[in-house]
Amino acid sequence: MNCMHEAALKAFTDAQKQLTDISGRKEEKSAATTSIKADIEKKKREAMEARKVEEESHREQETLIPQEQAAREKVAELKSAMNSERSQGDVLKAVLRAKENNQIEGIYGRMGDLGAIDAKYDVAVSTACGGLDYIVVETTSAAQACVELLRKGNLGVATFMILKNRYRGIFRAVV
């Protein structure tokens, strides 16, 4: 019986040891589960915050897109104006150079440069008179020679004020 008692005691001790081991593992697993649940909750909060940031970014992007388009349009408009001014400047330089070199006779110059405007009226007159950039020439042949010069140099276009054609009728009426 002693043998049986010892076997039962050993089985009991082994069972208690297994119970203690299982309880310890259960505690570890429970702690790990709690930690994992806390991590999951933390990740959920982070995901919600990330979604909020994403939504705010999308809203901000939606408001910035029209501003970007407006800015791009303004840049294109300014580039076009700058190119036009540069082209107009090149045209005027070429025509005035032809005048200085006596290449073409009968060129007077840019209409806006031929007269003086009082400073207090400058903006109003410049705005109202679009023809200030016209190039004043004496005859049709001078205008044609200027056009040919511009065409050969691929410099652009200009508008010419031809005095002989313009004032022919006025002088006849006065005389």
N, C-alpha and C. Protein backbone atom coordinates (compact mmCIF):
# COMPACT_ATOMS: atom_id res chain seq x y z
N MET A 1 0.81 -1.16 0.00
CA MET A 1 0.00 0.00 0.00
C MET A 1 0.87 1.25 0.00
N ASN A 2 1.93 1.11 0.56
CA ASN A 2 2.89 2.18 0.60
C ASN A 2 3.26 2.59 -0.82
N CYS A 3 3.41 1.63 -1.65
CA CYS A 3 3.75 1.87 -3.04
C CYS A 3 2.63 2.62 -3.73
N MET A 4 1.45 2.26 -3.40
CA MET A 4 0.30 2.92 -4.00
C MET A 4 0.16 4.34 -3.49
N HIS A 5 0.44 4.44 -2.20
CA HIS A 5 0.36 5.76 -1.59
C HIS A 5 1.41 6.67 -2.21
N GLU A 6 2.60 6.16 -2.38
CA GLU A 6 3.67 6.95 -2.98
C GLU A 6 3.34 7.29 -4.43
N ALA A 7 2.77 6.37 -5.15
CA ALA A 7 2.40 6.61 -6.54
C ALA A 7 1.30 7.67 -6.60
N ALA A 8 0.35 7.59 -5.68
CA ALA A 8 -0.74 8.57 -5.65
C ALA A 8 -0.19 9.94 -5.27
N LEU A 9 0.73 9.96 -4.28
CA LEU A 9 1.34 11.21 -3.84
C LEU A 9 2.15 11.83 -4.98
N LYS A 10 2.87 10.98 -5.72
CA LYS A 10 3.66 11.47 -6.86
C LYS A 10 2.73 12.00 -7.93
N ALA A 11 1.63 11.31 -8.19
CA ALA A 11 0.66 11.76 -9.19
C ALA A 11 0.04 13.08 -8.74
N PHE A 12 -0.25 13.19 -7.43
CA PHE A 12 -0.82 14.42 -6.89
C PHE A 12 0.17 15.57 -7.02
N THR A 13 1.42 15.32 -6.68
CA THR A 13 2.47 16.34 -6.77
C THR A 13 2.67 16.76 -8.23
N ASP A 14 2.67 15.79 -9.12
CA ASP A 14 2.82 16.10 -10.56
C ASP A 14 1.62 16.93 -11.05
N ALA A 15 0.43 16.56 -10.59
CA ALA A 15 -0.77 17.28 -11.00
C ALA A 15 -0.73 18.71 -10.47
N GLN A 16 -0.26 18.88 -9.21
CA GLN A 16 -0.15 20.23 -8.64
C GLN A 16 0.88 21.05 -9.41
N LYS A 17 2.00 20.40 -9.75
CA LYS A 17 3.04 21.09 -10.51
C LYS A 17 2.50 21.50 -11.88
N GLN A 18 1.76 20.61 -12.54
CA GLN A 18 1.16 20.93 -13.83
C GLN A 18 0.15 22.07 -13.68
N LEU A 19 -0.62 22.02 -12.59
CA LEU A 19 -1.61 23.07 -12.34
C LEU A 19 -0.93 24.41 -12.14
N THR A 20 0.18 24.40 -11.39
CA THR A 20 0.94 25.63 -11.17
C THR A 20 1.52 26.13 -12.49
N ASP A 21 2.08 25.21 -13.30
CA ASP A 21 2.62 25.60 -14.61
C ASP A 21 1.52 26.16 -15.51
N ILE A 22 0.39 25.47 -15.52
CA ILE A 22 -0.73 25.91 -16.37
C ILE A 22 -1.24 27.27 -15.89
N SER A 23 -1.34 27.43 -14.56
CA SER A 23 -1.79 28.72 -14.01
C SER A 23 -0.82 29.82 -14.39
N GLY A 24 0.47 29.52 -14.32
CA GLY A 24 1.49 30.51 -14.71
C GLY A 24 1.39 30.88 -16.18
N ARG A 25 1.23 29.85 -17.00
CA ARG A 25 1.09 30.11 -18.44
C ARG A 25 -0.19 30.88 -18.73
N LYS A 26 -1.26 30.52 -17.94
CA LYS A 26 -2.53 31.23 -18.12
C LYS A 26 -2.35 32.71 -17.78
N GLU A 27 -1.63 32.98 -16.70
CA GLU A 27 -1.37 34.38 -16.29
C GLU A 27 -0.57 35.10 -17.39
N GLU A 28 0.47 34.40 -17.92
CA GLU A 28 1.28 35.00 -18.99
C GLU A 28 0.43 35.30 -20.21
N LYS A 29 -0.40 34.30 -20.59
CA LYS A 29 -1.25 34.47 -21.76
C LYS A 29 -2.27 35.58 -21.52
N SER A 30 -2.80 35.64 -20.32
CA SER A 30 -3.77 36.68 -19.97
C SER A 30 -3.12 38.06 -20.06
N ALA A 31 -1.88 38.17 -19.54
CA ALA A 31 -1.16 39.44 -19.60
C ALA A 31 -0.86 39.79 -21.06
N ALA A 32 -0.44 38.79 -21.85
CA ALA A 32 -0.16 39.02 -23.26
C ALA A 32 -1.43 39.44 -23.99
N THR A 33 -2.55 38.78 -23.67
CA THR A 33 -3.83 39.13 -24.28
C THR A 33 -4.22 40.56 -23.94
N THR A 34 -4.05 40.94 -22.68
CA THR A 34 -4.36 42.30 -22.26
C THR A 34 -3.48 43.30 -22.99
N SER A 35 -2.20 42.97 -23.11
CA SER A 35 -1.26 43.84 -23.83
C SER A 35 -1.65 43.97 -25.30
N ILE A 36 -2.01 42.85 -25.90
CA ILE A 36 -2.40 42.85 -27.32
C ILE A 36 -3.68 43.66 -27.50
N LYS A 37 -4.64 43.49 -26.58
CA LYS A 37 -5.88 44.27 -26.67
C LYS A 37 -5.59 45.77 -26.55
N ALA A 38 -4.68 46.12 -25.65
CA ALA A 38 -4.30 47.53 -25.49
C ALA A 38 -3.65 48.04 -26.77
N ASP A 39 -2.78 47.21 -27.37
CA ASP A 39 -2.14 47.59 -28.63
C ASP A 39 -3.18 47.76 -29.74
N ILE A 40 -4.15 46.85 -29.77
CA ILE A 40 -5.21 46.94 -30.79
C ILE A 40 -5.98 48.25 -30.62
N GLU A 41 -6.35 48.58 -29.38
CA GLU A 41 -7.08 49.83 -29.12
C GLU A 41 -6.24 51.04 -29.53
N LYS A 42 -4.95 50.97 -29.21
CA LYS A 42 -4.05 52.07 -29.57
C LYS A 42 -3.98 52.21 -31.09
N LYS A 43 -3.85 51.07 -31.78
CA LYS A 43 -3.78 51.09 -33.25
C LYS A 43 -5.09 51.61 -33.85
N LYS A 44 -6.23 51.24 -33.23
CA LYS A 44 -7.52 51.74 -33.71
C LYS A 44 -7.58 53.26 -33.58
N ARG A 45 -7.12 53.79 -32.42
CA ARG A 45 -7.12 55.24 -32.22
C ARG A 45 -6.20 55.92 -33.24
N GLU A 46 -5.02 55.31 -33.44
CA GLU A 46 -4.08 55.87 -34.42
C GLU A 46 -4.67 55.85 -35.83
N ALA A 47 -5.37 54.76 -36.16
CA ALA A 47 -6.00 54.65 -37.48
C ALA A 47 -7.09 55.72 -37.64
N MET A 48 -7.88 55.93 -36.57
CA MET A 48 -8.93 56.96 -36.63
C MET A 48 -8.30 58.35 -36.80
N GLU A 49 -7.22 58.60 -36.08
CA GLU A 49 -6.53 59.89 -36.21
C GLU A 49 -5.97 60.05 -37.63
N ALA A 50 -5.41 58.97 -38.15
CA ALA A 50 -4.86 59.00 -39.52
C ALA A 50 -5.97 59.28 -40.53
N ARG A 51 -7.15 58.67 -40.33
CA ARG A 51 -8.29 58.93 -41.22
C ARG A 51 -8.71 60.39 -41.14
N LYS A 52 -8.74 60.93 -39.91
CA LYS A 52 -9.10 62.35 -39.76
C LYS A 52 -8.10 63.24 -40.48
N VAL A 53 -6.82 62.95 -40.31
CA VAL A 53 -5.78 63.73 -40.98
C VAL A 53 -5.93 63.61 -42.50
N GLU A 54 -6.21 62.38 -42.95
CA GLU A 54 -6.39 62.16 -44.39
C GLU A 54 -7.58 62.96 -44.91
N GLU A 55 -8.70 62.93 -44.18
CA GLU A 55 -9.89 63.68 -44.60
C GLU A 55 -9.60 65.18 -44.62
N GLU A 56 -8.91 65.67 -43.60
CA GLU A 56 -8.55 67.09 -43.57
C GLU A 56 -7.65 67.44 -44.74
N SER A 57 -6.71 66.54 -45.04
CA SER A 57 -5.81 66.77 -46.17
C SER A 57 -6.58 66.82 -47.48
N HIS A 58 -7.55 65.92 -47.63
CA HIS A 58 -8.36 65.91 -48.85
C HIS A 58 -9.16 67.20 -48.96
N ARG A 59 -9.76 67.64 -47.85
CA ARG A 59 -10.52 68.89 -47.87
C ARG A 59 -9.62 70.07 -48.22
N GLU A 60 -8.45 70.10 -47.61
CA GLU A 60 -7.51 71.19 -47.89
C GLU A 60 -7.06 71.14 -49.35
N GLN A 61 -6.82 69.93 -49.84
CA GLN A 61 -6.40 69.77 -51.23
C GLN A 61 -7.50 70.28 -52.17
N GLU A 62 -8.75 69.97 -51.84
CA GLU A 62 -9.87 70.41 -52.67
C GLU A 62 -9.95 71.93 -52.71
N THR A 63 -9.63 72.59 -51.60
CA THR A 63 -9.65 74.06 -51.61
C THR A 63 -8.42 74.63 -52.30
N LEU A 64 -7.32 73.89 -52.30
CA LEU A 64 -6.09 74.40 -52.91
C LEU A 64 -6.06 74.21 -54.43
N ILE A 65 -6.78 73.22 -54.93
CA ILE A 65 -6.77 72.95 -56.38
C ILE A 65 -7.22 74.17 -57.18
N PRO A 66 -8.36 74.80 -56.83
CA PRO A 66 -8.74 76.00 -57.60
C PRO A 66 -7.72 77.13 -57.47
N GLN A 67 -7.11 77.26 -56.30
CA GLN A 67 -6.09 78.29 -56.12
C GLN A 67 -4.89 78.01 -57.01
N GLU A 68 -4.51 76.73 -57.08
CA GLU A 68 -3.38 76.35 -57.94
C GLU A 68 -3.70 76.64 -59.40
N GLN A 69 -4.94 76.28 -59.82
CA GLN A 69 -5.33 76.53 -61.21
C GLN A 69 -5.32 78.03 -61.51
N ALA A 70 -5.83 78.82 -60.57
CA ALA A 70 -5.84 80.27 -60.76
C ALA A 70 -4.42 80.81 -60.86
N ALA A 71 -3.54 80.28 -60.02
CA ALA A 71 -2.14 80.73 -60.05
C ALA A 71 -1.48 80.33 -61.37
N ARG A 72 -1.75 79.12 -61.84
CA ARG A 72 -1.18 78.68 -63.12
C ARG A 72 -1.69 79.56 -64.28
N GLU A 73 -2.99 79.88 -64.24
CA GLU A 73 -3.55 80.74 -65.27
C GLU A 73 -2.91 82.13 -65.23
N LYS A 74 -2.71 82.64 -64.02
CA LYS A 74 -2.08 83.97 -63.86
C LYS A 74 -0.65 83.94 -64.39
N VAL A 75 0.08 82.86 -64.08
CA VAL A 75 1.46 82.73 -64.57
C VAL A 75 1.46 82.68 -66.10
N ALA A 76 0.55 81.91 -66.69
CA ALA A 76 0.48 81.83 -68.15
C ALA A 76 0.14 83.19 -68.75
N GLU A 77 -0.78 83.89 -68.11
CA GLU A 77 -1.17 85.22 -68.58
C GLU A 77 0.01 86.19 -68.51
N LEU A 78 0.73 86.15 -67.39
CA LEU A 78 1.88 87.04 -67.23
C LEU A 78 3.01 86.69 -68.22
N LYS A 79 3.21 85.37 -68.45
CA LYS A 79 4.22 84.96 -69.43
C LYS A 79 3.86 85.47 -70.81
N SER A 80 2.57 85.34 -71.15
CA SER A 80 2.10 85.81 -72.44
C SER A 80 2.30 87.32 -72.57
N ALA A 81 1.95 88.05 -71.51
CA ALA A 81 2.13 89.51 -71.54
C ALA A 81 3.61 89.87 -71.65
N MET A 82 4.44 89.13 -70.92
CA MET A 82 5.88 89.39 -70.96
C MET A 82 6.43 89.12 -72.37
N ASN A 83 6.01 88.01 -72.97
CA ASN A 83 6.46 87.69 -74.32
C ASN A 83 5.97 88.73 -75.32
N SER A 84 4.74 89.19 -75.13
CA SER A 84 4.19 90.21 -76.01
C SER A 84 4.97 91.51 -75.89
N GLU A 85 5.28 91.89 -74.64
CA GLU A 85 6.07 93.10 -74.42
C GLU A 85 7.46 92.96 -75.03
N ARG A 86 8.06 91.80 -74.83
CA ARG A 86 9.40 91.55 -75.38
C ARG A 86 9.34 91.62 -76.91
N SER A 87 8.30 91.00 -77.49
CA SER A 87 8.15 91.00 -78.94
C SER A 87 7.93 92.43 -79.44
N GLN A 88 7.07 93.17 -78.74
CA GLN A 88 6.80 94.55 -79.14
C GLN A 88 8.08 95.39 -79.04
N GLY A 89 8.86 95.14 -78.00
CA GLY A 89 10.13 95.85 -77.84
C GLY A 89 11.10 95.52 -78.97
N ASP A 90 11.15 94.25 -79.37
CA ASP A 90 12.02 93.84 -80.47
C ASP A 90 11.59 94.49 -81.78
N VAL A 91 10.28 94.56 -81.99
CA VAL A 91 9.75 95.19 -83.21
C VAL A 91 10.17 96.65 -83.25
N LEU A 92 9.93 97.35 -82.14
CA LEU A 92 10.26 98.77 -82.09
C LEU A 92 11.76 99.01 -82.26
N LYS A 93 12.58 98.19 -81.60
CA LYS A 93 14.04 98.34 -81.74
C LYS A 93 14.47 98.17 -83.19
N ALA A 94 13.92 97.15 -83.85
CA ALA A 94 14.31 96.90 -85.25
C ALA A 94 13.92 98.06 -86.14
N VAL A 95 12.71 98.59 -85.95
CA VAL A 95 12.25 99.70 -86.79
C VAL A 95 13.07 100.96 -86.52
N LEU A 96 13.33 101.24 -85.24
CA LEU A 96 14.12 102.43 -84.89
C LEU A 96 15.57 102.29 -85.36
N ARG A 97 16.11 101.09 -85.32
CA ARG A 97 17.46 100.84 -85.84
C ARG A 97 17.50 101.12 -87.35
N ALA A 98 16.44 100.68 -88.04
CA ALA A 98 16.36 100.94 -89.49
C ALA A 98 16.28 102.45 -89.74
N LYS A 99 15.59 103.18 -88.87
CA LYS A 99 15.50 104.64 -89.00
C LYS A 99 16.87 105.28 -88.78
N GLU A 100 17.57 104.87 -87.71
CA GLU A 100 18.87 105.45 -87.37
C GLU A 100 19.91 105.17 -88.46
N ASN A 101 19.84 103.99 -89.04
CA ASN A 101 20.80 103.61 -90.09
C ASN A 101 20.39 104.11 -91.47
N ASN A 102 19.31 104.88 -91.51
CA ASN A 102 18.76 105.38 -92.79
C ASN A 102 18.48 104.24 -93.76
N GLN A 103 18.13 103.11 -93.21
CA GLN A 103 17.78 101.94 -94.02
C GLN A 103 16.42 102.16 -94.67
N ILE A 104 15.51 102.77 -93.90
CA ILE A 104 14.16 103.05 -94.38
C ILE A 104 13.89 104.53 -94.10
N GLU A 105 13.49 105.26 -95.13
CA GLU A 105 13.19 106.68 -94.94
C GLU A 105 11.72 106.86 -94.61
N GLY A 106 11.43 107.89 -93.83
CA GLY A 106 10.05 108.23 -93.53
C GLY A 106 9.52 107.64 -92.23
N ILE A 107 10.38 107.11 -91.38
CA ILE A 107 9.95 106.59 -90.08
C ILE A 107 10.09 107.71 -89.06
N TYR A 108 8.99 108.01 -88.36
CA TYR A 108 9.04 109.03 -87.31
C TYR A 108 9.28 108.40 -85.93
N GLY A 109 8.74 107.22 -85.70
CA GLY A 109 8.92 106.54 -84.41
C GLY A 109 7.60 106.08 -83.82
N ARG A 110 7.65 105.69 -82.58
CA ARG A 110 6.45 105.22 -81.86
C ARG A 110 5.58 106.43 -81.53
N MET A 111 4.28 106.32 -81.77
CA MET A 111 3.38 107.44 -81.57
C MET A 111 3.46 107.98 -80.14
N GLY A 112 3.53 107.09 -79.15
CA GLY A 112 3.59 107.51 -77.75
C GLY A 112 4.86 108.27 -77.42
N ASP A 113 5.91 108.08 -78.22
CA ASP A 113 7.18 108.77 -77.97
C ASP A 113 7.25 110.12 -78.68
N LEU A 114 6.32 110.38 -79.58
CA LEU A 114 6.37 111.61 -80.38
C LEU A 114 5.75 112.81 -79.68
N GLY A 115 4.97 112.57 -78.66
CA GLY A 115 4.34 113.67 -77.93
C GLY A 115 4.62 113.54 -76.45
N ALA A 116 4.20 114.55 -75.71
CA ALA A 116 4.40 114.53 -74.26
C ALA A 116 3.04 114.54 -73.58
N ILE A 117 2.92 113.75 -72.53
CA ILE A 117 1.69 113.68 -71.76
C ILE A 117 2.02 114.13 -70.35
N ASP A 118 1.22 115.06 -69.84
CA ASP A 118 1.41 115.52 -68.46
C ASP A 118 1.29 114.32 -67.52
N ALA A 119 2.14 114.25 -66.51
CA ALA A 119 2.20 113.10 -65.60
C ALA A 119 0.85 112.81 -64.96
N LYS A 120 0.08 113.84 -64.65
CA LYS A 120 -1.20 113.59 -63.97
C LYS A 120 -2.23 112.96 -64.91
N TYR A 121 -2.02 113.07 -66.23
CA TYR A 121 -2.94 112.48 -67.20
C TYR A 121 -2.38 111.21 -67.84
N ASP A 122 -1.17 110.84 -67.49
CA ASP A 122 -0.47 109.75 -68.17
C ASP A 122 -1.26 108.44 -68.15
N VAL A 123 -1.73 108.02 -66.99
CA VAL A 123 -2.44 106.74 -66.89
C VAL A 123 -3.74 106.79 -67.68
N ALA A 124 -4.48 107.88 -67.57
CA ALA A 124 -5.76 107.99 -68.27
C ALA A 124 -5.56 107.98 -69.78
N VAL A 125 -4.60 108.75 -70.26
CA VAL A 125 -4.35 108.82 -71.70
C VAL A 125 -3.81 107.49 -72.21
N SER A 126 -2.88 106.88 -71.48
CA SER A 126 -2.32 105.60 -71.90
C SER A 126 -3.39 104.52 -71.97
N THR A 127 -4.34 104.57 -71.03
CA THR A 127 -5.42 103.58 -71.02
C THR A 127 -6.39 103.83 -72.15
N ALA A 128 -6.74 105.08 -72.37
CA ALA A 128 -7.75 105.43 -73.37
C ALA A 128 -7.21 105.32 -74.80
N CYS A 129 -5.94 105.53 -74.97
CA CYS A 129 -5.36 105.57 -76.32
C CYS A 129 -4.55 104.30 -76.58
N GLY A 130 -5.18 103.34 -77.18
CA GLY A 130 -4.49 102.10 -77.49
C GLY A 130 -3.48 102.26 -78.61
N GLY A 131 -3.59 103.33 -79.37
CA GLY A 131 -2.72 103.54 -80.52
C GLY A 131 -1.37 104.13 -80.20
N LEU A 132 -1.03 104.26 -78.93
CA LEU A 132 0.26 104.85 -78.58
C LEU A 132 1.44 103.99 -79.01
N ASP A 133 1.20 102.70 -79.27
CA ASP A 133 2.27 101.82 -79.72
C ASP A 133 2.36 101.75 -81.25
N TYR A 134 1.47 102.45 -81.95
CA TYR A 134 1.56 102.49 -83.41
C TYR A 134 2.88 103.13 -83.81
N ILE A 135 3.41 102.68 -84.93
CA ILE A 135 4.64 103.27 -85.47
C ILE A 135 4.22 104.25 -86.57
N VAL A 136 4.64 105.50 -86.40
CA VAL A 136 4.26 106.56 -87.34
C VAL A 136 5.29 106.61 -88.46
N VAL A 137 4.76 106.52 -89.71
CA VAL A 137 5.61 106.61 -90.90
C VAL A 137 5.00 107.63 -91.85
N GLU A 138 5.81 108.11 -92.76
CA GLU A 138 5.36 109.15 -93.70
C GLU A 138 4.50 108.56 -94.80
N THR A 139 4.96 107.44 -95.40
CA THR A 139 4.28 106.92 -96.59
C THR A 139 3.97 105.43 -96.45
N THR A 140 3.13 104.99 -97.37
CA THR A 140 2.78 103.57 -97.44
C THR A 140 4.01 102.73 -97.75
N SER A 141 4.87 103.24 -98.60
CA SER A 141 6.07 102.48 -98.96
C SER A 141 6.99 102.32 -97.75
N ALA A 142 7.05 103.32 -96.87
CA ALA A 142 7.85 103.19 -95.65
C ALA A 142 7.25 102.10 -94.75
N ALA A 143 5.93 102.08 -94.63
CA ALA A 143 5.26 101.05 -93.82
C ALA A 143 5.52 99.67 -94.40
N GLN A 144 5.44 99.56 -95.74
CA GLN A 144 5.68 98.27 -96.38
C GLN A 144 7.12 97.82 -96.19
N ALA A 145 8.05 98.75 -96.24
CA ALA A 145 9.46 98.40 -96.02
C ALA A 145 9.67 97.92 -94.58
N CYS A 146 8.98 98.56 -93.63
CA CYS A 146 9.07 98.13 -92.22
C CYS A 146 8.49 96.74 -92.04
N VAL A 147 7.34 96.49 -92.67
CA VAL A 147 6.71 95.17 -92.58
C VAL A 147 7.63 94.11 -93.16
N GLU A 148 8.27 94.42 -94.27
CA GLU A 148 9.20 93.47 -94.89
C GLU A 148 10.39 93.21 -93.97
N LEU A 149 10.90 94.26 -93.33
CA LEU A 149 12.01 94.12 -92.38
C LEU A 149 11.61 93.19 -91.22
N LEU A 150 10.42 93.41 -90.70
CA LEU A 150 9.94 92.57 -89.58
C LEU A 150 9.73 91.13 -90.03
N ARG A 151 9.21 90.96 -91.24
CA ARG A 151 8.96 89.62 -91.76
C ARG A 151 10.28 88.87 -91.96
N LYS A 152 11.27 89.54 -92.54
CA LYS A 152 12.57 88.90 -92.78
C LYS A 152 13.23 88.49 -91.46
N GLY A 153 13.12 89.34 -90.45
CA GLY A 153 13.74 89.04 -89.16
C GLY A 153 12.87 88.19 -88.25
N ASN A 154 11.65 87.87 -88.73
CA ASN A 154 10.70 87.08 -87.93
C ASN A 154 10.54 87.69 -86.53
N LEU A 155 10.36 89.01 -86.51
CA LEU A 155 10.34 89.74 -85.24
C LEU A 155 8.95 89.93 -84.66
N GLY A 156 7.94 89.81 -85.46
CA GLY A 156 6.59 90.02 -84.95
C GLY A 156 5.82 90.96 -85.86
N VAL A 157 4.78 91.55 -85.30
CA VAL A 157 3.93 92.43 -86.09
C VAL A 157 3.87 93.80 -85.44
N ALA A 158 3.47 94.78 -86.24
CA ALA A 158 3.30 96.14 -85.74
C ALA A 158 2.17 96.80 -86.51
N THR A 159 1.61 97.82 -85.90
CA THR A 159 0.58 98.61 -86.57
C THR A 159 1.20 99.95 -86.93
N PHE A 160 0.95 100.38 -88.16
CA PHE A 160 1.57 101.60 -88.64
C PHE A 160 0.52 102.68 -88.86
N MET A 161 0.88 103.91 -88.53
CA MET A 161 0.06 105.09 -88.82
C MET A 161 0.76 105.79 -89.98
N ILE A 162 0.11 105.81 -91.14
CA ILE A 162 0.70 106.39 -92.35
C ILE A 162 0.18 107.81 -92.49
N LEU A 163 1.05 108.77 -92.32
CA LEU A 163 0.62 110.17 -92.30
C LEU A 163 0.12 110.66 -93.65
N LYS A 164 0.75 110.24 -94.74
CA LYS A 164 0.34 110.72 -96.06
C LYS A 164 -1.11 110.34 -96.34
N ASN A 165 -1.50 109.10 -96.01
CA ASN A 165 -2.87 108.66 -96.23
C ASN A 165 -3.82 109.28 -95.21
N ARG A 166 -3.35 109.46 -94.02
CA ARG A 166 -4.19 109.90 -92.91
C ARG A 166 -4.62 111.36 -93.07
N TYR A 167 -3.71 112.20 -93.48
CA TYR A 167 -4.00 113.63 -93.49
C TYR A 167 -4.23 114.22 -94.88
N ARG A 168 -4.26 113.41 -95.88
CA ARG A 168 -4.45 113.89 -97.25
C ARG A 168 -5.75 114.67 -97.37
N GLY A 169 -6.84 114.11 -96.88
CA GLY A 169 -8.15 114.76 -96.99
C GLY A 169 -8.25 116.00 -96.13
N ILE A 170 -7.59 116.01 -94.98
CA ILE A 170 -7.67 117.16 -94.08
C ILE A 170 -6.99 118.37 -94.70
N PHE A 171 -5.81 118.17 -95.29
CA PHE A 171 -5.09 119.30 -95.88
C PHE A 171 -5.84 119.85 -97.09
N ARG A 172 -6.49 119.01 -97.84
CA ARG A 172 -7.24 119.48 -99.01
C ARG A 172 -8.41 120.35 -98.57
N ALA A 173 -9.05 119.95 -97.47
CA ALA A 173 -10.21 120.71 -97.01
C ALA A 173 -9.79 122.08 -96.50
N VAL A 174 -8.62 122.17 -95.90
CA VAL A 174 -8.15 123.44 -95.36
C VAL A 174 -7.73 124.38 -96.48
N VAL A 175 -7.10 123.86 -97.51
CA VAL A 175 -6.56 124.68 -98.60
C VAL A 175 -7.61 125.22 -99.48
